[in-house]
Amino acid sequence: MPAAGRVAVIGHRGAPYDHRENTLASLRAALEAGADAVEVDVRLTADRVPVLLHDATLERLWGHDRRLSSLTHSRLDEATAGGVPTLRDALALTAEYPSARTLVDLPDPTAAQAAVGEVRDSGAAGRVYYCGGGSAMLAVRAADPAAELALSWRRSAPPRAELLARIRPRWLNYHFGLITRDLVERAHGDGYLVAAWTTDRPRTARRLRHAGVDAVTTNRVAAVRAVL
């Protein structure tokens, strides 16, 4: 991914306008809408089970003012009626879509080793890649020297050469507002693929396509797929 001349579409936490983000229903909806990959956020429970949750607490999505790190997996299941899937659950679902990939985002770098281990034990290494900031990607690189990485970057200035040498990313993953044709051409010239996150507007998706990006992350897969 991506095929030559084709911009890949990545479902951001699945299809969060259709189903609660980072749930199995959300992932399936994004894949059914034509996503080339789904992005999931992975954190650890108190007993170190990798699960799909972006926030450090359950408050925004599940209405409980509890930190995930304070809950065992069984307590998490009780609090959310089984609504928060494990990474293993998510990988089993995405395996039903042979051409799709799973992008594991690591908002907490301490989850990297457990996430990489779960991917490996699930036999999913060939269809999973990882994104996140420098600390998270260094942790993944230490756990899996062969992993495919997307370094998320929030500044127009390029990442330091030393950091790139240590992480060895395949992708540079920029906020869509930073993307210009010059930035993309420079990254391509240095041998990197370029991804843009996160836009839901077809007009912006067209601009990103014209700038030459290789992938776009969106909450609205069908609308963005239609213009890409």
Foldseek 3Di string as FASTA:
>chain_A
DDDPLDAAEEAEQAQCVVDPGVFLVRNVNNVVLPHQEYEFEWDQALVGFTWTDDDQACCPPQNDRGGRNDHDPVRVCVSRVNGIGTVLVNLVSCVVPVRHAYEYEYPDLVSQLVNVVSCVVSVNQVRYAYEYALSNLLSNCVNPVPGAYEHEDEDLDDDDPVSCVSNVHQEHEYALVSQALVSQVVQVVVRHAYEYDEDDDCVSLLRNVVSPHRYYYYSHNNSNVVND
